[in-house]
């Protein structure tokens, strides 16, 4: 088998530093000897005056500048988006909601007032619960109610005084009063302040609904 002498490849010398160099082999040249020296520049002042900012930025001073594309033409006017059509179904639903009778439920029993208001909402009314005389008077200032279902027995200002003030502010409003006691005077007192009727607890929700419909119809 023939052995390849690597000492002759690419003109390199593979010599053991501890051994003497055999005679007759070509001497290896250094990189400085193989590369010829560059001739001095004919215009040294041009190199000295080259702007350093181009080198710092990594640009080639001798490269030609790339052409800058022209700006795109701006249209004279941008067409506006077409108007969004209104939803006739939603508009009709809002009109029906506004046309539904508004009922104010006034009772210091929070659970009872909320239950009656939720039931009247299921029957197609716009119901709002109030739990005190002051809250009822404030709500009547904010919303026009067609009917007020008013408890006669409340702490502080009672239902009779509330009914008097509601009718003074809104003469056309209908008031149905509710009481939890069996008294012969309450119906007379309710009629004296202008209530359309007086209902005695306990009363079913269905009966309450019918009485409200009857009061609104008269």
Protein backbone atom coordinates (compact mmCIF):
# COMPACT_ATOMS: atom_id res chain seq x y z
CA UNK A 1 0.00 0.00 0.00
CA UNK A 2 1.41 3.39 -1.01
CA UNK A 3 1.64 5.99 1.79
CA UNK A 4 0.67 9.60 1.04
CA UNK A 5 3.36 12.05 1.98
CA UNK A 6 1.38 14.99 3.48
CA UNK A 7 4.49 17.11 3.60
CA UNK A 8 4.13 17.77 -0.14
CA UNK A 9 0.42 18.80 -0.07
CA UNK A 10 -0.28 22.47 -0.79
CA UNK A 11 3.38 23.37 -0.28
CA UNK A 12 3.13 23.00 3.53
CA UNK A 13 5.74 21.65 5.85
CA UNK A 14 4.64 19.23 8.51
CA UNK A 15 7.76 19.14 10.67
CA UNK A 16 8.14 17.85 14.17
CA UNK A 17 9.54 20.74 16.19
CA UNK A 18 11.84 18.37 18.09
CA UNK A 19 13.42 16.87 15.00
CA UNK A 20 15.88 18.33 12.60
CA UNK A 21 14.50 19.42 9.27
CA UNK A 22 15.58 17.06 6.51
CA UNK A 23 17.64 18.54 3.75
CA UNK A 24 16.29 19.09 0.30
CA UNK A 25 12.68 19.99 1.28
CA UNK A 26 11.31 23.37 0.19
CA UNK A 27 11.10 25.99 2.88
CA UNK A 28 7.59 27.10 3.92
CA UNK A 29 6.88 30.72 3.37
CA UNK A 30 5.03 32.95 5.73
CA UNK A 31 1.79 34.76 4.86
CA UNK A 32 3.63 38.07 4.62
CA UNK A 33 6.08 36.58 2.10
CA UNK A 34 3.38 34.94 -0.05
CA UNK A 35 1.19 38.09 -0.30
CA UNK A 36 2.88 40.85 -2.27
CA UNK A 37 3.13 44.20 -0.62
CA UNK A 38 0.47 46.68 -1.73
CA UNK A 39 1.71 49.68 -3.58
CA UNK A 40 1.38 52.94 -1.73
CA UNK A 41 -1.70 54.96 -2.60
CA UNK A 42 -1.18 57.59 -5.23
CA UNK A 43 -3.59 59.93 -3.46
CA UNK A 44 -3.05 59.59 0.29
CA UNK A 45 -5.00 62.77 0.94
CA UNK A 46 -8.24 61.13 -0.34
CA UNK A 47 -7.96 58.33 2.18
CA UNK A 48 -7.33 60.73 4.98
CA UNK A 49 -10.34 62.89 4.00
CA UNK A 50 -12.81 59.98 3.75
CA UNK A 51 -15.80 60.60 6.05
CA UNK A 52 -15.59 58.38 9.11
CA UNK A 53 -19.35 58.38 9.61
CA UNK A 54 -19.81 56.09 6.60
CA UNK A 55 -17.44 53.54 8.05
CA UNK A 56 -18.97 53.78 11.49
CA UNK A 57 -22.37 53.08 9.99
CA UNK A 58 -21.02 50.06 8.05
CA UNK A 59 -21.71 51.62 4.65
CA UNK A 60 -19.46 51.35 1.61
CA UNK A 61 -18.34 54.84 0.61
CA UNK A 62 -17.66 53.73 -2.97
CA UNK A 63 -21.03 52.05 -3.50
CA UNK A 64 -23.61 53.89 -5.55
CA UNK A 65 -26.68 55.19 -3.70
CA UNK A 66 -29.86 53.21 -4.23
CA UNK A 67 -32.67 55.10 -5.90
CA UNK A 68 -35.44 56.23 -3.51
CA UNK A 69 -38.91 55.19 -4.75
CA UNK A 70 -41.27 58.00 -5.43
CA UNK A 71 -44.13 58.60 -2.99
CA UNK A 72 -47.44 57.02 -3.87
CA UNK A 73 -50.10 59.44 -5.09
CA UNK A 74 -52.61 60.47 -2.41
CA UNK A 75 -56.24 60.25 -3.55
CA UNK A 76 -58.11 63.52 -3.64
CA UNK A 77 -60.88 62.22 -1.40
CA UNK A 78 -61.47 59.08 0.65
CA UNK A 79 -64.96 57.70 0.26
CA UNK A 80 -66.81 57.53 3.58
CA UNK A 81 -68.28 54.31 4.91
CA UNK A 82 -71.94 53.79 4.09
CA UNK A 83 -74.33 54.43 6.98
CA UNK A 84 -75.32 51.40 9.01
CA UNK A 85 -79.01 50.72 8.52
CA UNK A 86 -81.09 50.57 11.65
CA UNK A 87 -82.58 47.30 12.72
CA UNK A 88 -86.36 47.53 12.24
CA UNK A 89 -86.92 44.63 14.64
CA UNK A 90 -84.93 46.31 17.40
CA UNK A 91 -86.68 49.62 16.80
CA UNK A 92 -90.07 47.96 16.97
CA UNK A 93 -89.11 46.20 20.20
CA UNK A 94 -88.05 49.50 21.76
CA UNK A 95 -91.34 51.13 20.73
CA UNK A 96 -93.32 48.29 22.29
CA UNK A 97 -91.26 48.56 25.49
CA UNK A 98 -91.97 52.29 25.67
CA UNK A 99 -95.70 51.69 25.04
CA UNK A 100 -95.99 49.15 27.91
CA UNK A 101 -97.62 50.62 31.04
CA UNK A 102 -95.18 51.65 33.77
CA UNK A 103 -96.01 50.52 37.31
CA UNK A 104 -94.33 51.64 40.54
CA UNK A 105 -94.42 49.04 43.33
CA UNK A 106 -93.97 50.68 46.76
CA UNK A 107 -93.57 48.47 49.84
CA UNK A 108 -91.09 48.48 52.74
CA UNK A 109 -90.94 44.69 52.40
CA UNK A 110 -88.05 44.44 49.94
CA UNK A 111 -88.69 40.83 48.96
CA UNK A 112 -92.40 41.43 48.38
CA UNK A 113 -91.83 44.53 46.25
CA UNK A 114 -89.19 42.76 44.13
CA UNK A 115 -91.41 39.70 43.63
CA UNK A 116 -94.41 41.75 42.52
CA UNK A 117 -92.22 43.85 40.19
CA UNK A 118 -90.73 40.72 38.59
CA UNK A 119 -94.21 39.23 38.09
CA UNK A 120 -95.53 42.42 36.49
CA UNK A 121 -92.53 42.43 34.14
CA UNK A 122 -93.53 38.92 33.04
CA UNK A 123 -97.03 40.23 32.34
CA UNK A 124 -95.69 42.85 29.92
CA UNK A 125 -95.46 45.86 32.26
CA UNK A 126 -92.50 48.09 33.01
CA UNK A 127 -92.24 47.65 36.76
CA UNK A 128 -90.01 49.49 39.23
CA UNK A 129 -89.78 48.55 42.95
CA UNK A 130 -89.37 51.16 45.69
CA UNK A 131 -88.90 50.38 49.39
CA UNK A 132 -89.63 53.70 51.12
CA UNK A 133 -91.75 56.82 50.71
CA UNK A 134 -88.71 58.92 49.79
CA UNK A 135 -87.56 56.43 47.16
CA UNK A 136 -91.05 56.32 45.65
CA UNK A 137 -91.31 60.11 45.38
CA UNK A 138 -87.86 60.33 43.81
CA UNK A 139 -88.66 57.60 41.25
CA UNK A 140 -91.90 59.39 40.33
CA UNK A 141 -89.87 62.50 39.52
CA UNK A 142 -87.61 60.56 37.14
CA UNK A 143 -90.16 58.34 35.35
CA UNK A 144 -93.77 58.86 34.32
CA UNK A 145 -95.72 55.98 35.89
CA UNK A 146 -99.20 54.99 34.78
CA UNK A 147 -100.02 53.33 38.10
CA UNK A 148 -98.61 53.14 41.62
CA UNK A 149 -99.22 50.14 43.86
CA UNK A 150 -98.71 51.67 47.28
CA UNK A 151 -98.56 50.10 50.74
CA UNK A 152 -100.50 52.16 53.24
CA UNK A 153 -98.47 51.09 56.29
CA UNK A 154 -94.81 52.15 56.03
CA UNK A 155 -92.36 53.49 58.63
CA UNK A 156 -91.86 57.22 58.54
CA UNK A 157 -94.06 58.76 55.89
CA UNK A 158 -97.03 56.47 55.37
CA UNK A 159 -98.72 55.59 52.07
CA UNK A 160 -101.53 58.10 52.57
CA UNK A 161 -99.13 61.04 52.54
CA UNK A 162 -97.22 59.58 49.59
CA UNK A 163 -100.47 59.20 47.62
CA UNK A 164 -101.38 62.81 48.37
CA UNK A 165 -98.01 64.07 47.11
CA UNK A 166 -98.01 61.86 44.00
CA UNK A 167 -101.44 63.07 42.91
CA UNK A 168 -100.45 66.68 43.59
CA UNK A 169 -97.42 66.33 41.28
CA UNK A 170 -99.13 64.13 38.65
CA UNK A 171 -102.94 64.48 38.79
CA UNK A 172 -103.51 61.79 36.11
CA UNK A 173 -101.63 59.01 37.89
CA UNK A 174 -103.62 56.03 39.23
CA UNK A 175 -102.96 54.80 42.77
CA UNK A 176 -103.96 51.44 44.21
CA UNK A 177 -103.30 51.12 47.93
CA UNK A 178 -102.56 47.91 49.82
CA UNK A 179 -102.99 47.26 53.54
CA UNK A 180 -102.14 44.37 55.82
CA UNK A 181 -104.64 45.16 58.55
CA UNK A 182 -108.40 44.76 58.79
CA UNK A 183 -109.60 48.30 59.41
CA UNK A 184 -112.84 50.04 58.52
CA UNK A 185 -111.09 53.40 58.39
CA UNK A 186 -108.42 52.54 55.84
CA UNK A 187 -110.77 52.37 52.82
CA UNK A 188 -112.23 55.76 53.74
CA UNK A 189 -108.83 57.32 54.29
CA UNK A 190 -107.54 55.91 50.99
CA UNK A 191 -110.50 57.28 49.08
CA UNK A 192 -110.06 60.65 50.77
CA UNK A 193 -106.54 61.10 49.38
CA UNK A 194 -107.62 60.06 45.88
CA UNK A 195 -106.70 56.33 45.67
CA UNK A 196 -108.60 54.25 43.11
CA UNK A 197 -108.97 51.32 45.50
CA UNK A 198 -107.66 49.50 48.54
CA UNK A 199 -106.53 45.86 48.48
CA UNK A 200 -106.11 43.75 51.61
CA UNK A 201 -103.19 41.36 52.08
CA UNK A 202 -102.70 38.51 51.49
CA UNK A 203 -103.54 38.83 47.80
CA UNK A 204 -102.59 36.52 44.93
CA UNK A 205 -100.46 37.77 42.08
CA UNK A 206 -103.18 36.91 39.56
CA UNK A 207 -105.77 38.94 41.47
CA UNK A 208 -103.31 41.79 41.79
CA UNK A 209 -102.74 41.71 38.04
CA UNK A 210 -106.48 41.86 37.34
CA UNK A 211 -106.96 44.78 39.71
CA UNK A 212 -104.16 46.67 38.01
CA UNK A 213 -105.67 46.05 34.57
CA UNK A 214 -109.06 47.20 35.89
CA UNK A 215 -107.60 50.40 37.35
CA UNK A 216 -105.77 51.22 34.12
CA UNK A 217 -108.90 50.63 32.06
CA UNK A 218 -111.05 53.07 34.11
